[in-house]
Amino acid sequence: MQMIPHDYPFKATISKRNHGRIHSTTGIALNEPLHICSESPEDRRVYIQDKPRSAYAQLPVIYFVTPTYPRREQIPELKRLAYTLLHVPRLYWLVANDQERCDTFLDTLLSGFGIPYAHMASPMPSEFRKSKPAPRGVANRRAALQWLHQQNITNGVLYFGDDDNTYDLRLFSEIRQTQRVSMFPVGLIAEYAVSVPVVRDGKVVAFLDSWVAGRRWPVDMAGFAVSLAYMSQYPNVNMPYKPGYEEDLFLRSIGLRIDQIEPKGANCTEILVWHTQTKNKKSAVVRLNSEFLDGRSNLGALFRSLKLMGVASASDTEGPVAMISKNGKTKSHSYILS
């Protein structure tokens, strides 16, 4: 089995690292608790875009950071994203879950794709959970930044990719050669339905975004990529717990100047990433008697799987009664399943 080239991290064992947390909106270096649930630096995909992995050996690695949290849509969102990332060579997927404990179902899921990955538990600090709005995803991204720091990774490209966005495969080719910070439009953002740098004569000169709010860098989290070689020059890199200002203050912490920005997506005329957002709903509860969830049908195994994924669960007493039909007519559970 071919191993990942030397510039991938080689730490593949489960480990736990605890560090003091600094909740700051200023430029203080990260020192985030980090609990690695599972990790595999091996790329087990045989072919990527119909070519062997060896054909891409010289490409810079993209470190794709995905903050996620337990919800009904979590597993299908991650699956949909994974089937995009399966087409992307030289990619390391950092999945940070907003949960106190490791999710073994998620471990198995991520391992099965064959993409090099690290899965970490990175819960939002309790003091922020009741905030409105809460700084969702910040602890996850900070944990990923801490992972990169601890692995001493100073080559490649960093990109923050949420699990409910939609990605054009061209995006990865565009950002892979980022020298400092590249930027590009993001579709379906707020009132204007787009957040985009304004480009004149090949240079970024301003920004179009419906929520400026004093931000020097009014961009969406999905609208930029950062060279890790460039970022490594700034030991106080930080992403603060300040809702709405995470992108701005992160980019400030790495000393970005407007003349350093590299516009991508045909000088920011093409949208290569969309902020699609699945609308969140509570996990469903279906009234389906437990006596019928044995080996007599598929329903027992199915609902056990749905419960593990947080999608739905069966109950003897709660929720709408499960409707089972045959030939267009509703039948009792006992009629069908006995």
C-alpha atoms as a PDB file:
ATOM      1  CA  MET A   1       0.000   0.000   0.000  1.00  0.00           C
ATOM      2  CA  GLN A   2       1.405   3.367  -1.034  1.00  0.00           C
ATOM      3  CA  MET A   3       2.123   5.728   1.835  1.00  0.00           C
ATOM      4  CA  ILE A   4       1.532   9.469   1.837  1.00  0.00           C
ATOM      5  CA  PRO A   5       4.637  11.481   0.891  1.00  0.00           C
ATOM      6  CA  HIS A   6       6.828  12.865   3.656  1.00  0.00           C
ATOM      7  CA  ASP A   7       5.114  16.235   3.919  1.00  0.00           C
ATOM      8  CA  TYR A   8       1.925  14.679   5.307  1.00  0.00           C
ATOM      9  CA  PRO A   9       1.874  14.390   9.107  1.00  0.00           C
ATOM     10  CA  PHE A  10       2.755  10.890  10.248  1.00  0.00           C
ATOM     11  CA  LYS A  11       0.789  10.788  13.501  1.00  0.00           C
ATOM     12  CA  ALA A  12      -1.833   8.096  13.044  1.00  0.00           C
ATOM     13  CA  THR A  13      -2.506   7.000  16.608  1.00  0.00           C
ATOM     14  CA  ILE A  14      -5.330   8.150  18.846  1.00  0.00           C
ATOM     15  CA  SER A  15      -4.097  10.708  21.303  1.00  0.00           C
ATOM     16  CA  LYS A  16      -5.377  13.283  23.722  1.00  0.00           C
ATOM     17  CA  ARG A  17      -3.844  16.680  24.261  1.00  0.00           C
ATOM     18  CA  ASN A  18      -5.057  19.212  26.770  1.00  0.00           C
ATOM     19  CA  HIS A  19      -3.959  22.817  26.877  1.00  0.00           C
ATOM     20  CA  GLY A  20      -5.166  25.960  28.578  1.00  0.00           C
ATOM     21  CA  ARG A  21      -7.750  27.966  26.651  1.00  0.00           C
ATOM     22  CA  ILE A  22      -7.440  31.678  25.970  1.00  0.00           C
ATOM     23  CA  HIS A  23     -10.740  33.359  25.091  1.00  0.00           C
ATOM     24  CA  SER A  24      -9.532  36.506  23.428  1.00  0.00           C
ATOM     25  CA  THR A  25     -10.531  38.816  20.629  1.00  0.00           C
ATOM     26  CA  THR A  26      -7.015  40.182  20.430  1.00  0.00           C
ATOM     27  CA  GLY A  27      -3.957  38.850  18.650  1.00  0.00           C
ATOM     28  CA  ILE A  28      -2.967  36.230  21.218  1.00  0.00           C
ATOM     29  CA  ALA A  29      -1.592  32.941  19.965  1.00  0.00           C
ATOM     30  CA  LEU A  30      -3.957  29.985  20.072  1.00  0.00           C
ATOM     31  CA  ASN A  31      -3.631  27.498  22.916  1.00  0.00           C
ATOM     32  CA  GLU A  32      -6.703  25.376  22.381  1.00  0.00           C
ATOM     33  CA  PRO A  33      -7.719  22.035  23.973  1.00  0.00           C
ATOM     34  CA  LEU A  34      -7.413  19.359  21.332  1.00  0.00           C
ATOM     35  CA  HIS A  35      -8.776  15.824  21.559  1.00  0.00           C
ATOM     36  CA  ILE A  36      -7.934  13.645  18.564  1.00  0.00           C
ATOM     37  CA  CYS A  37     -10.565  10.933  18.088  1.00  0.00           C
ATOM     38  CA  SER A  38      -9.072   9.164  15.089  1.00  0.00           C
ATOM     39  CA  GLU A  39      -6.554   9.972  12.412  1.00  0.00           C
ATOM     40  CA  SER A  40      -5.162   8.430   9.251  1.00  0.00           C
ATOM     41  CA  PRO A  41      -2.434  10.112   7.191  1.00  0.00           C
ATOM     42  CA  GLU A  42      -2.696   7.394   4.538  1.00  0.00           C
ATOM     43  CA  ASP A  43      -4.398   8.107   1.228  1.00  0.00           C
ATOM     44  CA  ARG A  44      -6.173   4.855   0.429  1.00  0.00           C
ATOM     45  CA  ARG A  45      -7.762   6.066  -2.794  1.00  0.00           C
ATOM     46  CA  VAL A  46      -6.308   4.136  -5.735  1.00  0.00           C
ATOM     47  CA  TYR A  47      -7.337   6.569  -8.446  1.00  0.00           C
ATOM     48  CA  ILE A  48      -8.282  10.248  -8.295  1.00  0.00           C
ATOM     49  CA  GLN A  49      -9.894  11.737 -11.394  1.00  0.00           C
ATOM     50  CA  ASP A  50      -8.875   8.576 -13.308  1.00  0.00           C
ATOM     51  CA  LYS A  51      -5.194   8.989 -12.471  1.00  0.00           C
ATOM     52  CA  PRO A  52      -3.078   7.117  -9.923  1.00  0.00           C
ATOM     53  CA  ARG A  53      -2.208   9.019  -6.754  1.00  0.00           C
ATOM     54  CA  SER A  54       1.439   9.126  -7.799  1.00  0.00           C
ATOM     55  CA  ALA A  55       0.514  11.468 -10.672  1.00  0.00           C
ATOM     56  CA  TYR A  56      -0.197  14.213  -8.137  1.00  0.00           C
ATOM     57  CA  ALA A  57       2.811  13.732  -5.862  1.00  0.00           C
ATOM     58  CA  GLN A  58       4.265  17.191  -6.489  1.00  0.00           C
ATOM     59  CA  LEU A  59       1.102  19.180  -5.741  1.00  0.00           C
ATOM     60  CA  PRO A  60       0.868  21.249  -2.533  1.00  0.00           C
ATOM     61  CA  VAL A  61      -1.445  19.714   0.077  1.00  0.00           C
ATOM     62  CA  ILE A  62      -4.770  21.402   0.814  1.00  0.00           C
ATOM     63  CA  TYR A  63      -5.745  21.216   4.506  1.00  0.00           C
ATOM     64  CA  PHE A  64      -9.522  21.345   4.357  1.00  0.00           C
ATOM     65  CA  VAL A  65     -11.018  22.282   7.737  1.00  0.00           C
ATOM     66  CA  THR A  66     -14.634  21.297   8.335  1.00  0.00           C
ATOM     67  CA  PRO A  67     -16.345  22.363  11.558  1.00  0.00           C
ATOM     68  CA  THR A  68     -19.392  20.203  12.233  1.00  0.00           C
ATOM     69  CA  TYR A  69     -21.855  19.505  15.035  1.00  0.00           C
ATOM     70  CA  PRO A  70     -24.351  16.740  15.933  1.00  0.00           C
ATOM     71  CA  ARG A  71     -27.702  17.265  14.229  1.00  0.00           C
ATOM     72  CA  ARG A  72     -30.144  15.427  12.007  1.00  0.00           C
ATOM     73  CA  GLU A  73     -28.383  16.543   8.822  1.00  0.00           C
ATOM     74  CA  GLN A  74     -24.789  15.981   9.980  1.00  0.00           C
ATOM     75  CA  ILE A  75     -24.072  12.574   8.441  1.00  0.00           C
ATOM     76  CA  PRO A  76     -25.718  13.187   5.033  1.00  0.00           C
ATOM     77  CA  GLU A  77     -23.972  16.580   4.820  1.00  0.00           C
ATOM     78  CA  LEU A  78     -20.579  15.022   5.554  1.00  0.00           C
ATOM     79  CA  LYS A  79     -21.241  12.224   3.075  1.00  0.00           C
ATOM     80  CA  ARG A  80     -22.151  14.688   0.339  1.00  0.00           C
ATOM     81  CA  LEU A  81     -19.017  16.711   1.058  1.00  0.00           C
ATOM     82  CA  ALA A  82     -16.838  13.585   1.141  1.00  0.00           C
ATOM     83  CA  TYR A  83     -17.972  12.570  -2.326  1.00  0.00           C
ATOM     84  CA  THR A  84     -16.741  15.935  -3.566  1.00  0.00           C
ATOM     85  CA  LEU A  85     -13.429  15.645  -1.713  1.00  0.00           C
ATOM     86  CA  LEU A  86     -12.862  12.123  -3.069  1.00  0.00           C
ATOM     87  CA  HIS A  87     -12.113  13.785  -6.411  1.00  0.00           C
ATOM     88  CA  VAL A  88      -9.489  16.131  -4.958  1.00  0.00           C
ATOM     89  CA  PRO A  89      -5.851  14.934  -4.917  1.00  0.00           C
ATOM     90  CA  ARG A  90      -3.406  15.834  -2.151  1.00  0.00           C
ATOM     91  CA  LEU A  91      -6.043  16.833   0.384  1.00  0.00           C
ATOM     92  CA  TYR A  92      -6.010  16.327   4.167  1.00  0.00           C
ATOM     93  CA  TRP A  93      -9.446  16.600   5.767  1.00  0.00           C
ATOM     94  CA  LEU A  94      -9.582  18.059   9.293  1.00  0.00           C
ATOM     95  CA  VAL A  95     -13.035  17.362  10.740  1.00  0.00           C
ATOM     96  CA  ALA A  96     -13.688  19.060  14.081  1.00  0.00           C
ATOM     97  CA  ASN A  97     -16.884  18.010  15.850  1.00  0.00           C
ATOM     98  CA  ASP A  98     -18.613  20.239  18.414  1.00  0.00           C
ATOM     99  CA  GLN A  99     -18.991  17.467  20.965  1.00  0.00           C
ATOM    100  CA  GLU A 100     -17.443  16.619  24.318  1.00  0.00           C
ATOM    101  CA  ARG A 101     -16.804  12.977  23.431  1.00  0.00           C
ATOM    102  CA  CYS A 102     -15.599  11.212  20.329  1.00  0.00           C
ATOM    103  CA  ASP A 103     -18.278   9.938  17.971  1.00  0.00           C
ATOM    104  CA  THR A 104     -17.357   6.371  16.972  1.00  0.00           C
ATOM    105  CA  PHE A 105     -19.912   6.358  14.149  1.00  0.00           C
ATOM    106  CA  LEU A 106     -18.194   9.427  12.693  1.00  0.00           C
ATOM    107  CA  ASP A 107     -14.802   7.727  13.110  1.00  0.00           C
ATOM    108  CA  THR A 108     -15.974   4.769  11.039  1.00  0.00           C
ATOM    109  CA  LEU A 109     -17.576   6.987   8.417  1.00  0.00           C
ATOM    110  CA  LEU A 110     -14.487   9.146   7.864  1.00  0.00           C
ATOM    111  CA  SER A 111     -12.125   6.178   7.796  1.00  0.00           C
ATOM    112  CA  GLY A 112     -14.220   4.481   5.139  1.00  0.00           C
ATOM    113  CA  PHE A 113     -13.698   7.184   2.520  1.00  0.00           C
ATOM    114  CA  GLY A 114      -9.947   6.595   2.272  1.00  0.00           C
ATOM    115  CA  ILE A 115      -9.187  10.325   2.365  1.00  0.00           C
ATOM    116  CA  PRO A 116      -6.340  11.323   4.716  1.00  0.00           C
ATOM    117  CA  TYR A 117      -8.087  12.837   7.734  1.00  0.00           C
ATOM    118  CA  ALA A 118      -8.021  13.784  11.388  1.00  0.00           C
ATOM    119  CA  HIS A 119     -11.222  13.708  13.426  1.00  0.00           C
ATOM    120  CA  MET A 120     -11.194  15.755  16.608  1.00  0.00           C
ATOM    121  CA  ALA A 121     -13.689  16.559  19.356  1.00  0.00           C
ATOM    122  CA  SER A 122     -13.700  20.316  19.895  1.00  0.00           C
ATOM    123  CA  PRO A 123     -16.738  21.469  21.905  1.00  0.00           C
ATOM    124  CA  MET A 124     -17.756  25.094  22.099  1.00  0.00           C
ATOM    125  CA  PRO A 125     -16.816  26.458  25.551  1.00  0.00           C
ATOM    126  CA  SER A 126     -19.837  26.371  27.856  1.00  0.00           C
ATOM    127  CA  GLU A 127     -19.768  30.121  28.516  1.00  0.00           C
ATOM    128  CA  PHE A 128     -20.572  30.801  24.852  1.00  0.00           C
ATOM    129  CA  ARG A 129     -23.376  28.296  24.328  1.00  0.00           C
ATOM    130  CA  LYS A 130     -26.117  30.629  25.548  1.00  0.00           C
ATOM    131  CA  SER A 131     -24.806  33.625  23.636  1.00  0.00           C
ATOM    132  CA  LYS A 132     -27.056  35.022  20.896  1.00  0.00           C
ATOM    133  CA  PRO A 133     -25.658  34.660  18.360  1.00  0.00           C
ATOM    134  CA  ALA A 134     -23.341  31.907  19.530  1.00  0.00           C
ATOM    135  CA  PRO A 135     -19.851  31.735  17.963  1.00  0.00           C
ATOM    136  CA  ARG A 136     -20.630  28.494  16.157  1.00  0.00           C
ATOM    137  CA  GLY A 137     -17.696  26.721  14.533  1.00  0.00           C
ATOM    138  CA  VAL A 138     -15.013  28.851  16.196  1.00  0.00           C
ATOM    139  CA  ALA A 139     -13.797  26.232  18.683  1.00  0.00           C
ATOM    140  CA  ASN A 140     -13.665  23.731  15.804  1.00  0.00           C
ATOM    141  CA  ARG A 141     -11.563  25.958  13.568  1.00  0.00           C
ATOM    142  CA  ARG A 142      -9.305  26.945  16.464  1.00  0.00           C
ATOM    143  CA  ALA A 143      -8.729  23.257  17.214  1.00  0.00           C
ATOM    144  CA  ALA A 144      -7.750  22.651  13.594  1.00  0.00           C
ATOM    145  CA  LEU A 145      -5.334  25.603  13.719  1.00  0.00           C
ATOM    146  CA  GLN A 146      -3.874  24.142  16.905  1.00  0.00           C
ATOM    147  CA  TRP A 147      -3.481  20.751  15.180  1.00  0.00           C
ATOM    148  CA  LEU A 148      -1.564  22.378  12.315  1.00  0.00           C
ATOM    149  CA  HIS A 149       0.642  24.190  14.828  1.00  0.00           C
ATOM    150  CA  GLN A 150       1.371  21.057  16.864  1.00  0.00           C
ATOM    151  CA  GLN A 151       2.204  19.092  13.723  1.00  0.00           C
ATOM    152  CA  ASN A 152       4.513  21.953  12.688  1.00  0.00           C
ATOM    153  CA  ILE A 153       2.956  22.090   9.224  1.00  0.00           C
ATOM    154  CA  THR A 154       4.270  25.107   7.334  1.00  0.00           C
ATOM    155  CA  ASN A 155       3.659  24.002   3.736  1.00  0.00           C
ATOM    156  CA  GLY A 156       0.423  23.694   1.832  1.00  0.00           C
ATOM    157  CA  VAL A 157      -2.808  25.651   1.786  1.00  0.00           C
ATOM    158  CA  LEU A 158      -5.444  26.131   4.495  1.00  0.00           C
ATOM    159  CA  TYR A 159      -9.126  26.348   3.587  1.00  0.00           C
ATOM    160  CA  PHE A 160     -12.166  26.502   5.882  1.00  0.00           C
ATOM    161  CA  GLY A 161     -14.925  24.433   4.252  1.00  0.00           C
ATOM    162  CA  ASP A 162     -18.271  24.055   6.031  1.00  0.00           C
ATOM    163  CA  ASP A 163     -20.126  20.774   5.627  1.00  0.00           C
ATOM    164  CA  ASP A 164     -23.261  22.408   4.174  1.00  0.00           C
ATOM    165  CA  ASN A 165     -21.573  24.374   1.364  1.00  0.00           C
ATOM    166  CA  THR A 166     -21.448  23.355  -2.297  1.00  0.00           C
ATOM    167  CA  TYR A 167     -18.036  23.273  -3.999  1.00  0.00           C
ATOM    168  CA  ASP A 168     -17.020  23.425  -7.645  1.00  0.00           C
ATOM    169  CA  LEU A 169     -14.029  21.110  -8.161  1.00  0.00           C
ATOM    170  CA  ARG A 170     -12.231  23.960  -9.941  1.00  0.00           C
ATOM    171  CA  LEU A 171     -11.987  25.739  -6.582  1.00  0.00           C
ATOM    172  CA  PHE A 172      -9.324  23.304  -5.383  1.00  0.00           C
ATOM    173  CA  SER A 173      -7.161  23.812  -8.455  1.00  0.00           C
ATOM    174  CA  GLU A 174      -7.536  27.571  -8.065  1.00  0.00           C
ATOM    175  CA  ILE A 175      -6.491  27.786  -4.404  1.00  0.00           C
ATOM    176  CA  ARG A 176      -3.744  25.158  -4.430  1.00  0.00           C
ATOM    177  CA  GLN A 177      -1.028  27.608  -5.545  1.00  0.00           C
ATOM    178  CA  THR A 178      -1.979  30.363  -3.062  1.00  0.00           C
ATOM    179  CA  GLN A 179       1.133  32.381  -2.171  1.00  0.00           C
ATOM    180  CA  ARG A 180      -0.309  34.424   0.702  1.00  0.00           C
ATOM    181  CA  VAL A 181      -4.096  34.796   0.733  1.00  0.00           C
ATOM    182  CA  SER A 182      -6.389  34.112  -2.215  1.00  0.00           C
ATOM    183  CA  MET A 183     -10.003  35.328  -2.357  1.00  0.00           C
ATOM    184  CA  PHE A 184     -13.030  34.584  -4.521  1.00  0.00           C
ATOM    185  CA  PRO A 185     -16.825  35.089  -4.587  1.00  0.00           C
ATOM    186  CA  VAL A 186     -19.220  33.066  -2.409  1.00  0.00           C
ATOM    187  CA  GLY A 187     -22.780  32.652  -3.651  1.00  0.00           C
ATOM    188  CA  LEU A 188     -26.005  32.795  -1.611  1.00  0.00           C
ATOM    189  CA  ILE A 189     -24.665  35.165   1.055  1.00  0.00           C
ATOM    190  CA  ALA A 190     -27.237  37.370   2.825  1.00  0.00           C
ATOM    191  CA  GLU A 191     -29.109  40.207   1.086  1.00  0.00           C
ATOM    192  CA  TYR A 192     -26.962  40.491  -2.029  1.00  0.00           C
ATOM    193  CA  ALA A 193     -26.838  36.708  -2.480  1.00  0.00           C
ATOM    194  CA  VAL A 194     -23.078  37.110  -2.952  1.00  0.00           C
ATOM    195  CA  SER A 195     -19.992  38.228  -1.045  1.00  0.00           C
ATOM    196  CA  VAL A 196     -17.149  39.166  -3.377  1.00  0.00           C
ATOM    197  CA  PRO A 197     -13.907  41.172  -3.614  1.00  0.00           C
ATOM    198  CA  VAL A 198     -14.035  44.065  -6.095  1.00  0.00           C
ATOM    199  CA  VAL A 199     -11.251  43.633  -8.660  1.00  0.00           C
ATOM    200  CA  ARG A 200      -9.787  46.288 -10.990  1.00  0.00           C
ATOM    201  CA  ASP A 201      -6.872  45.628 -13.333  1.00  0.00           C
ATOM    202  CA  GLY A 202      -6.307  42.246 -11.686  1.00  0.00           C
ATOM    203  CA  LYS A 203      -6.046  43.676  -8.152  1.00  0.00           C
ATOM    204  CA  VAL A 204      -8.483  43.560  -5.240  1.00  0.00           C
ATOM    205  CA  VAL A 205      -9.437  47.159  -4.426  1.00  0.00           C
ATOM    206  CA  ALA A 206     -12.579  46.800  -2.252  1.00  0.00           C
ATOM    207  CA  PHE A 207     -15.370  44.410  -1.231  1.00  0.00           C
ATOM    208  CA  LEU A 208     -19.051  43.920  -2.007  1.00  0.00           C
ATOM    209  CA  ASP A 209     -20.860  42.448   1.001  1.00  0.00           C
ATOM    210  CA  SER A 210     -24.255  43.325   2.473  1.00  0.00           C
ATOM    211  CA  TRP A 211     -22.903  43.374   6.062  1.00  0.00           C
ATOM    212  CA  VAL A 212     -19.811  45.520   6.484  1.00  0.00           C
ATOM    213  CA  ALA A 213     -20.143  46.431  10.186  1.00  0.00           C
ATOM    214  CA  GLY A 214     -16.720  48.054  10.359  1.00  0.00           C
ATOM    215  CA  ARG A 215     -14.927  44.931   9.135  1.00  0.00           C
ATOM    216  CA  ARG A 216     -11.693  45.577   7.271  1.00  0.00           C
ATOM    217  CA  TRP A 217     -12.160  42.213   5.565  1.00  0.00           C
ATOM    218  CA  PRO A 218     -15.919  41.752   4.939  1.00  0.00           C
ATOM    219  CA  VAL A 219     -15.659  38.249   3.491  1.00  0.00           C
ATOM    220  CA  ASP A 220     -17.300  34.889   4.127  1.00  0.00           C
ATOM    221  CA  MET A 221     -15.353  32.060   5.745  1.00  0.00           C
ATOM    222  CA  ALA A 222     -15.590  30.073   2.491  1.00  0.00           C
ATOM    223  CA  GLY A 223     -14.252  32.989   0.440  1.00  0.00           C
ATOM    224  CA  PHE A 224     -10.511  32.780   1.086  1.00  0.00           C
ATOM    225  CA  ALA A 225      -7.576  30.388   1.327  1.00  0.00           C
ATOM    226  CA  VAL A 226      -4.276  30.922   3.144  1.00  0.00           C
ATOM    227  CA  SER A 227      -0.748  29.741   2.417  1.00  0.00           C
ATOM    228  CA  LEU A 228       0.574  27.919   5.493  1.00  0.00           C
ATOM    229  CA  ALA A 229       4.089  29.126   4.691  1.00  0.00           C
ATOM    230  CA  TYR A 230       2.787  32.682   4.875  1.00  0.00           C
ATOM    231  CA  MET A 231       0.690  32.043   8.001  1.00  0.00           C
ATOM    232  CA  SER A 232       3.662  30.483   9.794  1.00  0.00           C
ATOM    233  CA  GLN A 233       5.322  33.904   9.855  1.00  0.00           C
ATOM    234  CA  TYR A 234       2.650  35.080  12.332  1.00  0.00           C
ATOM    235  CA  PRO A 235       2.944  33.282  15.692  1.00  0.00           C
ATOM    236  CA  ASN A 236      -0.087  35.142  17.095  1.00  0.00           C
ATOM    237  CA  VAL A 237      -2.567  33.830  14.551  1.00  0.00           C
ATOM    238  CA  ASN A 238      -5.989  33.807  16.144  1.00  0.00           C
ATOM    239  CA  MET A 239      -9.680  33.291  15.465  1.00  0.00           C
ATOM    240  CA  PRO A 240     -11.654  34.947  18.252  1.00  0.00           C
ATOM    241  CA  TYR A 241     -14.999  34.036  19.778  1.00  0.00           C
ATOM    242  CA  LYS A 242     -16.682  37.102  18.276  1.00  0.00           C
ATOM    243  CA  PRO A 243     -19.679  36.186  16.080  1.00  0.00           C
ATOM    244  CA  GLY A 244     -19.608  37.885  12.697  1.00  0.00           C
ATOM    245  CA  TYR A 245     -15.996  38.997  13.031  1.00  0.00           C
ATOM    246  CA  GLU A 246     -14.172  35.663  12.915  1.00  0.00           C
ATOM    247  CA  GLU A 247     -12.951  36.085   9.322  1.00  0.00           C
ATOM    248  CA  ASP A 248     -11.982  39.712   9.759  1.00  0.00           C
ATOM    249  CA  LEU A 249      -9.970  39.244  12.945  1.00  0.00           C
ATOM    250  CA  PHE A 250      -8.355  36.037  11.704  1.00  0.00           C
ATOM    251  CA  LEU A 251      -7.115  37.814   8.572  1.00  0.00           C
ATOM    252  CA  ARG A 252      -5.947  40.764  10.669  1.00  0.00           C
ATOM    253  CA  SER A 253      -3.976  38.376  12.895  1.00  0.00           C
ATOM    254  CA  ILE A 254      -1.908  37.261   9.898  1.00  0.00           C
ATOM    255  CA  GLY A 255      -1.036  40.810   8.896  1.00  0.00           C
ATOM    256  CA  LEU A 256      -2.872  40.776   5.568  1.00  0.00           C
ATOM    257  CA  ARG A 257      -2.630  43.826   3.293  1.00  0.00           C
ATOM    258  CA  ILE A 258      -5.052  44.421   0.435  1.00  0.00           C
ATOM    259  CA  ASP A 259      -2.259  44.508  -2.134  1.00  0.00           C
ATOM    260  CA  GLN A 260      -1.276  40.938  -1.142  1.00  0.00           C
ATOM    261  CA  ILE A 261      -4.647  39.382  -2.016  1.00  0.00           C
ATOM    262  CA  GLU A 262      -4.703  37.026  -5.003  1.00  0.00           C
ATOM    263  CA  PRO A 263      -8.111  37.127  -6.769  1.00  0.00           C
ATOM    264  CA  LYS A 264      -9.287  33.730  -8.028  1.00  0.00           C
ATOM    265  CA  GLY A 265     -12.286  32.579 -10.037  1.00  0.00           C
ATOM    266  CA  ALA A 266     -11.486  34.502 -13.230  1.00  0.00           C
ATOM    267  CA  ASN A 267     -10.776  37.727 -11.347  1.00  0.00           C
ATOM    268  CA  CYS A 268     -13.728  37.047  -9.030  1.00  0.00           C
ATOM    269  CA  THR A 269     -16.284  36.776 -11.854  1.00  0.00           C
ATOM    270  CA  GLU A 270     -17.081  33.077 -11.263  1.00  0.00           C
ATOM    271  CA  ILE A 271     -18.676  31.530  -8.198  1.00  0.00           C
ATOM    272  CA  LEU A 272     -16.899  28.330  -7.219  1.00  0.00           C
ATOM    273  CA  VAL A 273     -18.444  27.922  -3.758  1.00  0.00           C
ATOM    274  CA  TRP A 274     -22.037  28.358  -2.601  1.00  0.00           C
ATOM    275  CA  HIS A 275     -23.295  28.908   0.944  1.00  0.00           C
ATOM    276  CA  THR A 276     -26.214  26.532   0.420  1.00  0.00           C
ATOM    277  CA  GLN A 277     -27.074  25.802   4.096  1.00  0.00           C
ATOM    278  CA  THR A 278     -29.453  22.974   4.870  1.00  0.00           C
ATOM    279  CA  LYS A 279     -32.272  24.161   7.107  1.00  0.00           C
ATOM    280  CA  ASN A 280     -31.889  22.514  10.484  1.00  0.00           C
ATOM    281  CA  LYS A 281     -34.774  20.489  11.970  1.00  0.00           C
ATOM    282  CA  LYS A 282     -35.044  18.396  15.086  1.00  0.00           C
ATOM    283  CA  SER A 283     -34.360  14.702  14.909  1.00  0.00           C
ATOM    284  CA  ALA A 284     -37.579  12.859  14.072  1.00  0.00           C
ATOM    285  CA  VAL A 285     -39.349  10.475  16.468  1.00  0.00           C
ATOM    286  CA  VAL A 286     -41.607   7.825  14.923  1.00  0.00           C
ATOM    287  CA  ARG A 287     -44.061   5.753  16.934  1.00  0.00           C
ATOM    288  CA  LEU A 288     -43.164   2.203  16.002  1.00  0.00           C
ATOM    289  CA  ASN A 289     -43.504  -0.574  18.539  1.00  0.00           C
ATOM    290  CA  SER A 290     -40.176  -2.029  19.618  1.00  0.00           C
ATOM    291  CA  GLU A 291     -41.552  -5.566  19.347  1.00  0.00           C
ATOM    292  CA  PHE A 292     -41.576  -5.120  15.573  1.00  0.00           C
ATOM    293  CA  LEU A 293     -37.979  -3.906  15.391  1.00  0.00           C
ATOM    294  CA  ASP A 294     -36.417  -7.354  15.535  1.00  0.00           C
ATOM    295  CA  GLY A 295     -35.007  -9.454  12.699  1.00  0.00           C
ATOM    296  CA  ARG A 296     -38.357 -10.008  10.990  1.00  0.00           C
ATOM    297  CA  SER A 297     -37.866  -6.968   8.774  1.00  0.00           C
ATOM    298  CA  ASN A 298     -35.310  -4.341   7.836  1.00  0.00           C
ATOM    299  CA  LEU A 299     -36.843  -1.680  10.104  1.00  0.00           C
ATOM    300  CA  GLY A 300     -34.967  -2.612  13.278  1.00  0.00           C
ATOM    301  CA  ALA A 301     -31.510  -2.342  11.706  1.00  0.00           C
ATOM    302  CA  LEU A 302     -32.560   0.765   9.777  1.00  0.00           C
ATOM    303  CA  PHE A 303     -33.809   2.679  12.813  1.00  0.00           C
ATOM    304  CA  ARG A 304     -30.795   1.661  14.890  1.00  0.00           C
ATOM    305  CA  SER A 305     -28.604   3.203  12.180  1.00  0.00           C
ATOM    306  CA  LEU A 306     -30.786   6.327  11.957  1.00  0.00           C
ATOM    307  CA  LYS A 307     -30.538   6.782  15.713  1.00  0.00           C
ATOM    308  CA  LEU A 308     -26.736   6.500  15.630  1.00  0.00           C
ATOM    309  CA  MET A 309     -26.656   9.202  12.957  1.00  0.00           C
ATOM    310  CA  GLY A 310     -29.003  11.453  14.922  1.00  0.00           C
ATOM    311  CA  VAL A 311     -31.556  11.445  12.072  1.00  0.00           C
ATOM    312  CA  ALA A 312     -34.547   9.643  13.618  1.00  0.00           C
ATOM    313  CA  SER A 313     -35.526   7.213  16.345  1.00  0.00           C
ATOM    314  CA  ALA A 314     -38.407   4.832  16.996  1.00  0.00           C
ATOM    315  CA  SER A 315     -40.525   5.022  20.135  1.00  0.00           C
ATOM    316  CA  ASP A 316     -43.343   2.963  21.644  1.00  0.00           C
ATOM    317  CA  THR A 317     -45.126   6.054  22.995  1.00  0.00           C
ATOM    318  CA  GLU A 318     -43.935   9.234  21.246  1.00  0.00           C
ATOM    319  CA  GLY A 319     -44.226  10.797  17.816  1.00  0.00           C
ATOM    320  CA  PRO A 320     -46.635  10.233  14.941  1.00  0.00           C
ATOM    321  CA  VAL A 321     -47.710   6.646  14.384  1.00  0.00           C
ATOM    322  CA  ALA A 322     -45.680   5.070  11.585  1.00  0.00           C
ATOM    323  CA  MET A 323     -47.833   4.559   8.501  1.00  0.00           C
ATOM    324  CA  ILE A 324     -47.208   1.208   6.811  1.00  0.00           C
ATOM    325  CA  SER A 325     -49.117   0.558   3.613  1.00  0.00           C
ATOM    326  CA  LYS A 326     -49.672  -2.167   1.046  1.00  0.00           C
ATOM    327  CA  ASN A 327     -51.498  -1.800  -2.258  1.00  0.00           C
ATOM    328  CA  GLY A 328     -52.258   1.801  -1.358  1.00  0.00           C
ATOM    329  CA  LYS A 329     -53.958   0.945   1.940  1.00  0.00           C
ATOM    330  CA  THR A 330     -52.660   1.535   5.441  1.00  0.00           C
ATOM    331  CA  LYS A 331     -52.185  -1.605   7.459  1.00  0.00           C
ATOM    332  CA  SER A 332     -51.467  -2.190  11.125  1.00  0.00           C
ATOM    333  CA  HIS A 333     -47.915  -2.941  12.176  1.00  0.00           C
ATOM    334  CA  SER A 334     -48.909  -6.394  13.319  1.00  0.00           C
ATOM    335  CA  TYR A 335     -50.538  -7.211   9.961  1.00  0.00           C
ATOM    336  CA  ILE A 336     -47.350  -6.419   8.045  1.00  0.00           C
ATOM    337  CA  LEU A 337     -44.612  -7.276  10.542  1.00  0.00           C
ATOM    338  CA  SER A 338     -45.942 -10.177  12.606  1.00  0.00           C
END
